[in-house]
């Protein structure tokens, strides 16, 4: 097995392990009080993160067995086979945990060199290509894909400063790529700063990208820690989980802006 693929498998396994640990905590909280507002919000955020992970592992295909298992986890069927509308929140979490366990088992088989042929659990290379295919610089695509996986892993492991810095690095890279494709001449007409794009501040790149119609105003939700992420390690206060997750949400919004067909 190629080393790059093995590294991806290990990264995904680590991310899945963190999701499983987090899911168990969510399940236990919901089992105690299913109407707790903060517990419900945590469950929804966790389910969204599970969906992102499953989509990546299934290559974005809704027909993939892993994607189908994820969708079916939200349904409970009666003895007659009809779908029931009401499902206990902790039961949904339990079912999603089972799906994650299946993904771990399948990935582990891949990592051990088993040939899964047509039942392959993941399409890592295809997924990477699709997720960042809007990036014009083809050499940049695998770099940001690897960083994307690292940022998710860091977030789930509680390394919020690393997660935020990596997320913002990806955001700056893909926005810069879009600006470079637009061209300095066209950007100058919009009042862009003088000099090379690489010399502009993070905020300037985002603002010019919005003026150029490359992205919309969703980036305005970036927390202050994200806007100064380059100096965060040396001078900034500790990064909160909220800020790290918010930066990740903004990244996904900007990715949709740059690739409307996502």
C-alpha atoms as a PDB file:
ATOM      1  CA  UNK A   1       0.000   0.000   0.000  1.00  0.00           C
ATOM      2  CA  UNK A   2       1.254   3.485  -0.852  1.00  0.00           C
ATOM      3  CA  UNK A   3       2.497   5.423   2.154  1.00  0.00           C
ATOM      4  CA  UNK A   4       0.233   8.396   1.360  1.00  0.00           C
ATOM      5  CA  UNK A   5      -2.865   6.185   1.383  1.00  0.00           C
ATOM      6  CA  UNK A   6      -1.753   4.514   4.614  1.00  0.00           C
ATOM      7  CA  UNK A   7      -1.285   7.927   6.190  1.00  0.00           C
ATOM      8  CA  UNK A   8      -4.803   8.928   5.111  1.00  0.00           C
ATOM      9  CA  UNK A   9      -6.230   5.742   6.580  1.00  0.00           C
ATOM     10  CA  UNK A  10      -4.500   6.380   9.897  1.00  0.00           C
ATOM     11  CA  UNK A  11      -5.741   9.978   9.935  1.00  0.00           C
ATOM     12  CA  UNK A  12      -9.310   8.862   9.285  1.00  0.00           C
ATOM     13  CA  UNK A  13      -9.099   6.160  11.929  1.00  0.00           C
ATOM     14  CA  UNK A  14      -7.928   8.715  14.466  1.00  0.00           C
ATOM     15  CA  UNK A  15     -10.755  11.065  13.481  1.00  0.00           C
ATOM     16  CA  UNK A  16     -13.353   8.278  13.712  1.00  0.00           C
ATOM     17  CA  UNK A  17     -12.034   7.239  17.117  1.00  0.00           C
ATOM     18  CA  UNK A  18     -12.457  10.814  18.368  1.00  0.00           C
ATOM     19  CA  UNK A  19     -15.984  10.965  16.927  1.00  0.00           C
ATOM     20  CA  UNK A  20     -16.888   7.704  18.657  1.00  0.00           C
ATOM     21  CA  UNK A  21     -15.623   8.942  22.023  1.00  0.00           C
ATOM     22  CA  UNK A  22     -17.519  12.182  21.599  1.00  0.00           C
ATOM     23  CA  UNK A  23     -20.650  10.317  20.500  1.00  0.00           C
ATOM     24  CA  UNK A  24     -20.632   8.143  23.602  1.00  0.00           C
ATOM     25  CA  UNK A  25     -20.542  11.244  25.779  1.00  0.00           C
ATOM     26  CA  UNK A  26     -23.441  12.742  23.815  1.00  0.00           C
ATOM     27  CA  UNK A  27     -25.429   9.501  24.099  1.00  0.00           C
ATOM     28  CA  UNK A  28     -24.932   9.248  27.857  1.00  0.00           C
ATOM     29  CA  UNK A  29     -26.027  12.852  28.348  1.00  0.00           C
ATOM     30  CA  UNK A  30     -29.138  12.406  26.208  1.00  0.00           C
ATOM     31  CA  UNK A  31     -30.028   9.174  27.993  1.00  0.00           C
ATOM     32  CA  UNK A  32     -30.125  11.119  31.261  1.00  0.00           C
ATOM     33  CA  UNK A  33     -32.056  14.115  29.920  1.00  0.00           C
ATOM     34  CA  UNK A  34     -33.154  14.018  26.273  1.00  0.00           C
ATOM     35  CA  UNK A  35     -34.749  17.480  26.488  1.00  0.00           C
ATOM     36  CA  UNK A  36     -31.606  19.270  27.661  1.00  0.00           C
ATOM     37  CA  UNK A  37     -31.074  22.091  25.146  1.00  0.00           C
ATOM     38  CA  UNK A  38     -27.281  22.022  25.269  1.00  0.00           C
ATOM     39  CA  UNK A  39     -27.248  18.230  24.906  1.00  0.00           C
ATOM     40  CA  UNK A  40     -29.547  18.402  21.882  1.00  0.00           C
ATOM     41  CA  UNK A  41     -27.346  21.081  20.287  1.00  0.00           C
ATOM     42  CA  UNK A  42     -24.230  18.985  20.959  1.00  0.00           C
ATOM     43  CA  UNK A  43     -25.923  15.957  19.397  1.00  0.00           C
ATOM     44  CA  UNK A  44     -26.821  17.907  16.259  1.00  0.00           C
ATOM     45  CA  UNK A  45     -23.278  19.246  15.896  1.00  0.00           C
ATOM     46  CA  UNK A  46     -21.894  15.739  16.373  1.00  0.00           C
ATOM     47  CA  UNK A  47     -24.302  14.286  13.799  1.00  0.00           C
ATOM     48  CA  UNK A  48     -23.238  16.945  11.297  1.00  0.00           C
ATOM     49  CA  UNK A  49     -19.580  16.078  11.856  1.00  0.00           C
ATOM     50  CA  UNK A  50     -20.409  12.390  11.437  1.00  0.00           C
ATOM     51  CA  UNK A  51     -22.127  13.198   8.152  1.00  0.00           C
ATOM     52  CA  UNK A  52     -19.038  15.010   6.874  1.00  0.00           C
ATOM     53  CA  UNK A  53     -16.809  12.067   7.808  1.00  0.00           C
ATOM     54  CA  UNK A  54     -19.125   9.492   6.235  1.00  0.00           C
ATOM     55  CA  UNK A  55     -19.473  11.555   3.053  1.00  0.00           C
ATOM     56  CA  UNK A  56     -15.707  11.699   2.771  1.00  0.00           C
ATOM     57  CA  UNK A  57     -15.249   7.980   3.345  1.00  0.00           C
ATOM     58  CA  UNK A  58     -18.004   7.059   0.881  1.00  0.00           C
ATOM     59  CA  UNK A  59     -16.569   9.248  -1.850  1.00  0.00           C
ATOM     60  CA  UNK A  60     -19.566  11.560  -1.769  1.00  0.00           C
ATOM     61  CA  UNK A  61     -21.798   8.807  -3.164  1.00  0.00           C
ATOM     62  CA  UNK A  62     -25.219   8.513  -1.525  1.00  0.00           C
ATOM     63  CA  UNK A  63     -25.485   5.007  -2.962  1.00  0.00           C
ATOM     64  CA  UNK A  64     -22.404   3.778  -1.113  1.00  0.00           C
ATOM     65  CA  UNK A  65     -23.214   1.249   1.623  1.00  0.00           C
ATOM     66  CA  UNK A  66     -21.660   3.459   4.272  1.00  0.00           C
ATOM     67  CA  UNK A  67     -23.713   6.486   3.210  1.00  0.00           C
ATOM     68  CA  UNK A  68     -26.862   4.367   3.142  1.00  0.00           C
ATOM     69  CA  UNK A  69     -26.130   3.021   6.620  1.00  0.00           C
ATOM     70  CA  UNK A  70     -25.720   6.586   7.868  1.00  0.00           C
ATOM     71  CA  UNK A  71     -29.078   7.657   6.410  1.00  0.00           C
ATOM     72  CA  UNK A  72     -30.871   4.582   7.729  1.00  0.00           C
ATOM     73  CA  UNK A  73     -29.560   5.261  11.235  1.00  0.00           C
ATOM     74  CA  UNK A  74     -32.127   8.042  11.518  1.00  0.00           C
ATOM     75  CA  UNK A  75     -35.035   5.677  10.853  1.00  0.00           C
ATOM     76  CA  UNK A  76     -36.717   3.097  13.059  1.00  0.00           C
ATOM     77  CA  UNK A  77     -39.043   0.678  11.333  1.00  0.00           C
ATOM     78  CA  UNK A  78     -42.128  -1.016  12.686  1.00  0.00           C
ATOM     79  CA  UNK A  79     -42.694  -4.732  12.406  1.00  0.00           C
ATOM     80  CA  UNK A  80     -44.634  -4.029   9.203  1.00  0.00           C
ATOM     81  CA  UNK A  81     -41.597  -2.328   7.754  1.00  0.00           C
ATOM     82  CA  UNK A  82     -43.004   1.191   7.657  1.00  0.00           C
ATOM     83  CA  UNK A  83     -40.884   4.094   8.846  1.00  0.00           C
ATOM     84  CA  UNK A  84     -41.767   5.638  12.185  1.00  0.00           C
ATOM     85  CA  UNK A  85     -41.442   9.386  12.642  1.00  0.00           C
ATOM     86  CA  UNK A  86     -40.348   9.508  16.280  1.00  0.00           C
ATOM     87  CA  UNK A  87     -36.912   8.190  17.210  1.00  0.00           C
ATOM     88  CA  UNK A  88     -35.314   8.653  20.633  1.00  0.00           C
ATOM     89  CA  UNK A  89     -32.272  10.970  20.318  1.00  0.00           C
ATOM     90  CA  UNK A  90     -29.956   8.630  22.218  1.00  0.00           C
ATOM     91  CA  UNK A  91     -31.093   5.752  19.985  1.00  0.00           C
ATOM     92  CA  UNK A  92     -30.096   7.715  16.885  1.00  0.00           C
ATOM     93  CA  UNK A  93     -26.692   8.334  18.442  1.00  0.00           C
ATOM     94  CA  UNK A  94     -26.357   4.625  19.182  1.00  0.00           C
ATOM     95  CA  UNK A  95     -27.133   3.745  15.585  1.00  0.00           C
ATOM     96  CA  UNK A  96     -24.652   6.296  14.274  1.00  0.00           C
ATOM     97  CA  UNK A  97     -22.022   4.874  16.607  1.00  0.00           C
ATOM     98  CA  UNK A  98     -22.624   1.481  15.024  1.00  0.00           C
ATOM     99  CA  UNK A  99     -22.080   3.017  11.578  1.00  0.00           C
ATOM    100  CA  UNK A 100     -18.834   4.582  12.756  1.00  0.00           C
ATOM    101  CA  UNK A 101     -17.752   1.205  14.135  1.00  0.00           C
ATOM    102  CA  UNK A 102     -18.420  -0.337  10.718  1.00  0.00           C
ATOM    103  CA  UNK A 103     -16.311   2.368   9.069  1.00  0.00           C
ATOM    104  CA  UNK A 104     -13.465   1.702  11.518  1.00  0.00           C
ATOM    105  CA  UNK A 105     -13.612  -2.043  10.829  1.00  0.00           C
ATOM    106  CA  UNK A 106     -13.587  -1.519   7.060  1.00  0.00           C
ATOM    107  CA  UNK A 107     -10.738   1.005   7.215  1.00  0.00           C
ATOM    108  CA  UNK A 108      -8.730  -1.309   9.468  1.00  0.00           C
ATOM    109  CA  UNK A 109      -9.109  -4.079   6.895  1.00  0.00           C
ATOM    110  CA  UNK A 110      -7.837  -1.719   4.235  1.00  0.00           C
ATOM    111  CA  UNK A 111      -4.914  -0.775   6.439  1.00  0.00           C
ATOM    112  CA  UNK A 112      -4.057  -4.449   6.907  1.00  0.00           C
ATOM    113  CA  UNK A 113      -3.848  -4.941   3.176  1.00  0.00           C
ATOM    114  CA  UNK A 114      -7.143  -6.773   2.647  1.00  0.00           C
ATOM    115  CA  UNK A 115      -8.590  -6.491  -0.837  1.00  0.00           C
ATOM    116  CA  UNK A 116     -12.144  -5.262  -0.438  1.00  0.00           C
ATOM    117  CA  UNK A 117     -12.707  -5.032  -4.230  1.00  0.00           C
ATOM    118  CA  UNK A 118     -16.159  -3.680  -5.073  1.00  0.00           C
ATOM    119  CA  UNK A 119     -17.095  -3.341  -1.413  1.00  0.00           C
ATOM    120  CA  UNK A 120     -14.334  -0.846  -0.670  1.00  0.00           C
ATOM    121  CA  UNK A 121     -15.405   1.259   2.314  1.00  0.00           C
ATOM    122  CA  UNK A 122     -13.634   4.395   1.232  1.00  0.00           C
ATOM    123  CA  UNK A 123     -12.725   6.397  -1.833  1.00  0.00           C
ATOM    124  CA  UNK A 124     -10.091   8.607  -0.279  1.00  0.00           C
ATOM    125  CA  UNK A 125      -8.321   9.789  -3.416  1.00  0.00           C
ATOM    126  CA  UNK A 126     -11.554  10.358  -5.319  1.00  0.00           C
ATOM    127  CA  UNK A 127     -13.032  12.259  -2.407  1.00  0.00           C
ATOM    128  CA  UNK A 128      -9.991  14.499  -2.105  1.00  0.00           C
ATOM    129  CA  UNK A 129     -10.205  15.294  -5.787  1.00  0.00           C
ATOM    130  CA  UNK A 130     -13.890  16.171  -5.605  1.00  0.00           C
ATOM    131  CA  UNK A 131     -13.706  18.193  -2.409  1.00  0.00           C
ATOM    132  CA  UNK A 132     -11.006  20.554  -3.682  1.00  0.00           C
ATOM    133  CA  UNK A 133     -11.377  20.205  -7.428  1.00  0.00           C
ATOM    134  CA  UNK A 134     -12.363  23.885  -7.577  1.00  0.00           C
ATOM    135  CA  UNK A 135      -8.780  24.792  -6.603  1.00  0.00           C
ATOM    136  CA  UNK A 136      -7.014  25.857  -9.792  1.00  0.00           C
ATOM    137  CA  UNK A 137      -3.508  25.019  -8.591  1.00  0.00           C
ATOM    138  CA  UNK A 138      -3.438  21.237  -8.913  1.00  0.00           C
ATOM    139  CA  UNK A 139      -0.334  20.976  -6.723  1.00  0.00           C
ATOM    140  CA  UNK A 140      -2.204  22.734  -3.917  1.00  0.00           C
ATOM    141  CA  UNK A 141      -5.137  20.294  -3.872  1.00  0.00           C
ATOM    142  CA  UNK A 142      -3.444  17.385  -2.046  1.00  0.00           C
ATOM    143  CA  UNK A 143      -1.854  19.838   0.381  1.00  0.00           C
ATOM    144  CA  UNK A 144      -5.140  21.387   1.475  1.00  0.00           C
ATOM    145  CA  UNK A 145      -6.840  17.970   1.521  1.00  0.00           C
ATOM    146  CA  UNK A 146      -4.232  16.650   3.938  1.00  0.00           C
ATOM    147  CA  UNK A 147      -4.510  19.809   6.027  1.00  0.00           C
ATOM    148  CA  UNK A 148      -8.308  19.467   6.050  1.00  0.00           C
ATOM    149  CA  UNK A 149      -8.054  15.967   7.516  1.00  0.00           C
ATOM    150  CA  UNK A 150      -5.493  17.178  10.063  1.00  0.00           C
ATOM    151  CA  UNK A 151      -7.702  20.063  11.162  1.00  0.00           C
ATOM    152  CA  UNK A 152     -10.657  17.734  11.766  1.00  0.00           C
ATOM    153  CA  UNK A 153      -8.492  15.339  13.714  1.00  0.00           C
ATOM    154  CA  UNK A 154      -6.999  18.140  15.835  1.00  0.00           C
ATOM    155  CA  UNK A 155     -10.476  19.467  16.587  1.00  0.00           C
ATOM    156  CA  UNK A 156     -11.791  16.113  17.776  1.00  0.00           C
ATOM    157  CA  UNK A 157      -8.697  15.562  19.927  1.00  0.00           C
ATOM    158  CA  UNK A 158      -9.193  18.901  21.656  1.00  0.00           C
ATOM    159  CA  UNK A 159      -6.196  20.659  20.076  1.00  0.00           C
ATOM    160  CA  UNK A 160      -8.238  23.745  19.309  1.00  0.00           C
ATOM    161  CA  UNK A 161      -5.344  26.103  18.603  1.00  0.00           C
ATOM    162  CA  UNK A 162      -3.893  23.707  16.025  1.00  0.00           C
ATOM    163  CA  UNK A 163      -7.332  23.096  14.513  1.00  0.00           C
ATOM    164  CA  UNK A 164      -7.999  26.815  14.123  1.00  0.00           C
ATOM    165  CA  UNK A 165      -4.605  27.624  12.640  1.00  0.00           C
ATOM    166  CA  UNK A 166      -4.805  24.753  10.173  1.00  0.00           C
ATOM    167  CA  UNK A 167      -8.359  25.643   9.176  1.00  0.00           C
ATOM    168  CA  UNK A 168      -7.437  29.285   8.594  1.00  0.00           C
ATOM    169  CA  UNK A 169      -4.376  28.236   6.603  1.00  0.00           C
ATOM    170  CA  UNK A 170      -6.638  26.240   4.287  1.00  0.00           C
ATOM    171  CA  UNK A 171      -9.069  29.142   4.028  1.00  0.00           C
ATOM    172  CA  UNK A 172      -6.316  31.595   3.145  1.00  0.00           C
ATOM    173  CA  UNK A 173      -4.799  29.184   0.607  1.00  0.00           C
ATOM    174  CA  UNK A 174      -8.005  28.535  -1.336  1.00  0.00           C
ATOM    175  CA  UNK A 175      -9.037  32.202  -1.333  1.00  0.00           C
ATOM    176  CA  UNK A 176      -5.561  33.178  -2.546  1.00  0.00           C
ATOM    177  CA  UNK A 177      -5.830  30.582  -5.313  1.00  0.00           C
ATOM    178  CA  UNK A 178      -9.145  32.101  -6.447  1.00  0.00           C
ATOM    179  CA  UNK A 179      -7.718  35.638  -6.349  1.00  0.00           C
ATOM    180  CA  UNK A 180      -4.699  34.629  -8.400  1.00  0.00           C
ATOM    181  CA  UNK A 181      -6.980  33.068 -10.970  1.00  0.00           C
ATOM    182  CA  UNK A 182      -8.954  36.315 -11.166  1.00  0.00           C
ATOM    183  CA  UNK A 183      -5.771  38.258 -11.823  1.00  0.00           C
ATOM    184  CA  UNK A 184      -4.222  41.404 -10.356  1.00  0.00           C
ATOM    185  CA  UNK A 185      -5.461  43.633 -13.172  1.00  0.00           C
ATOM    186  CA  UNK A 186      -9.090  42.760 -12.570  1.00  0.00           C
ATOM    187  CA  UNK A 187      -8.645  43.037  -8.803  1.00  0.00           C
ATOM    188  CA  UNK A 188      -6.976  46.453  -9.039  1.00  0.00           C
ATOM    189  CA  UNK A 189     -10.148  47.865 -10.595  1.00  0.00           C
ATOM    190  CA  UNK A 190     -11.966  46.831  -7.410  1.00  0.00           C
ATOM    191  CA  UNK A 191      -9.565  48.806  -5.249  1.00  0.00           C
ATOM    192  CA  UNK A 192      -7.344  45.907  -4.230  1.00  0.00           C
ATOM    193  CA  UNK A 193      -4.120  46.702  -2.347  1.00  0.00           C
ATOM    194  CA  UNK A 194      -0.965  47.282  -4.355  1.00  0.00           C
ATOM    195  CA  UNK A 195       1.698  44.605  -4.599  1.00  0.00           C
ATOM    196  CA  UNK A 196       1.543  40.833  -4.784  1.00  0.00           C
ATOM    197  CA  UNK A 197      -1.443  38.966  -3.412  1.00  0.00           C
ATOM    198  CA  UNK A 198       0.951  36.957  -1.240  1.00  0.00           C
ATOM    199  CA  UNK A 199       1.848  40.185   0.564  1.00  0.00           C
ATOM    200  CA  UNK A 200      -1.748  41.123   1.409  1.00  0.00           C
ATOM    201  CA  UNK A 201      -3.133  40.536   4.864  1.00  0.00           C
ATOM    202  CA  UNK A 202      -5.586  37.730   5.507  1.00  0.00           C
ATOM    203  CA  UNK A 203      -8.409  40.245   5.998  1.00  0.00           C
ATOM    204  CA  UNK A 204      -7.549  42.052   2.754  1.00  0.00           C
ATOM    205  CA  UNK A 205      -7.676  38.821   0.765  1.00  0.00           C
ATOM    206  CA  UNK A 206     -11.085  37.951   2.156  1.00  0.00           C
ATOM    207  CA  UNK A 207     -12.470  41.454   1.563  1.00  0.00           C
ATOM    208  CA  UNK A 208     -11.192  41.632  -2.021  1.00  0.00           C
ATOM    209  CA  UNK A 209     -12.496  38.141  -2.743  1.00  0.00           C
ATOM    210  CA  UNK A 210     -15.950  39.307  -1.651  1.00  0.00           C
ATOM    211  CA  UNK A 211     -15.743  42.445  -3.803  1.00  0.00           C
ATOM    212  CA  UNK A 212     -14.751  40.291  -6.757  1.00  0.00           C
ATOM    213  CA  UNK A 213     -17.798  38.089  -6.232  1.00  0.00           C
ATOM    214  CA  UNK A 214     -15.668  35.039  -5.496  1.00  0.00           C
ATOM    215  CA  UNK A 215     -17.116  34.570  -2.018  1.00  0.00           C
ATOM    216  CA  UNK A 216     -20.022  36.012  -0.090  1.00  0.00           C
ATOM    217  CA  UNK A 217     -20.121  37.637   3.324  1.00  0.00           C
ATOM    218  CA  UNK A 218     -20.143  34.438   5.365  1.00  0.00           C
ATOM    219  CA  UNK A 219     -16.494  34.904   6.248  1.00  0.00           C
ATOM    220  CA  UNK A 220     -17.505  37.832   8.478  1.00  0.00           C
ATOM    221  CA  UNK A 221     -18.388  35.244  11.147  1.00  0.00           C
ATOM    222  CA  UNK A 222     -14.704  34.420  11.610  1.00  0.00           C
ATOM    223  CA  UNK A 223     -13.725  34.985  15.256  1.00  0.00           C
ATOM    224  CA  UNK A 224     -10.976  37.433  16.108  1.00  0.00           C
ATOM    225  CA  UNK A 225      -8.597  34.573  16.893  1.00  0.00           C
ATOM    226  CA  UNK A 226      -8.981  33.339  13.325  1.00  0.00           C
ATOM    227  CA  UNK A 227      -8.206  36.679  11.729  1.00  0.00           C
ATOM    228  CA  UNK A 228      -4.914  36.830  13.614  1.00  0.00           C
ATOM    229  CA  UNK A 229      -4.199  33.104  13.406  1.00  0.00           C
ATOM    230  CA  UNK A 230      -0.621  33.593  12.215  1.00  0.00           C
ATOM    231  CA  UNK A 231       0.289  35.224  15.512  1.00  0.00           C
ATOM    232  CA  UNK A 232      -1.957  33.022  17.636  1.00  0.00           C
ATOM    233  CA  UNK A 233       0.759  30.656  18.826  1.00  0.00           C
ATOM    234  CA  UNK A 234       3.053  33.396  20.084  1.00  0.00           C
ATOM    235  CA  UNK A 235       0.799  36.200  21.211  1.00  0.00           C
ATOM    236  CA  UNK A 236      -2.833  35.144  21.312  1.00  0.00           C
ATOM    237  CA  UNK A 237      -4.859  33.727  24.175  1.00  0.00           C
ATOM    238  CA  UNK A 238      -5.870  30.099  24.256  1.00  0.00           C
ATOM    239  CA  UNK A 239      -8.245  29.190  21.430  1.00  0.00           C
ATOM    240  CA  UNK A 240     -11.698  28.062  22.535  1.00  0.00           C
ATOM    241  CA  UNK A 241     -13.561  25.091  21.122  1.00  0.00           C
ATOM    242  CA  UNK A 242     -16.283  27.475  19.947  1.00  0.00           C
ATOM    243  CA  UNK A 243     -13.817  29.547  17.898  1.00  0.00           C
ATOM    244  CA  UNK A 244     -12.185  26.472  16.386  1.00  0.00           C
ATOM    245  CA  UNK A 245     -15.528  24.985  15.344  1.00  0.00           C
ATOM    246  CA  UNK A 246     -16.791  28.332  14.046  1.00  0.00           C
ATOM    247  CA  UNK A 247     -13.695  28.685  11.859  1.00  0.00           C
ATOM    248  CA  UNK A 248     -14.401  25.229  10.449  1.00  0.00           C
ATOM    249  CA  UNK A 249     -17.987  26.211   9.649  1.00  0.00           C
ATOM    250  CA  UNK A 250     -16.801  29.351   7.850  1.00  0.00           C
ATOM    251  CA  UNK A 251     -14.307  27.291   5.854  1.00  0.00           C
ATOM    252  CA  UNK A 252     -17.094  25.016   4.611  1.00  0.00           C
ATOM    253  CA  UNK A 253     -19.212  28.060   3.681  1.00  0.00           C
ATOM    254  CA  UNK A 254     -16.351  29.579   1.673  1.00  0.00           C
ATOM    255  CA  UNK A 255     -15.704  26.233  -0.013  1.00  0.00           C
ATOM    256  CA  UNK A 256     -19.329  26.235  -1.190  1.00  0.00           C
ATOM    257  CA  UNK A 257     -18.921  29.819  -2.410  1.00  0.00           C
ATOM    258  CA  UNK A 258     -15.884  28.903  -4.465  1.00  0.00           C
ATOM    259  CA  UNK A 259     -17.537  25.748  -5.747  1.00  0.00           C
ATOM    260  CA  UNK A 260     -21.303  26.441  -6.072  1.00  0.00           C
ATOM    261  CA  UNK A 261     -21.873  22.954  -7.484  1.00  0.00           C
ATOM    262  CA  UNK A 262     -20.879  21.268  -4.224  1.00  0.00           C
END
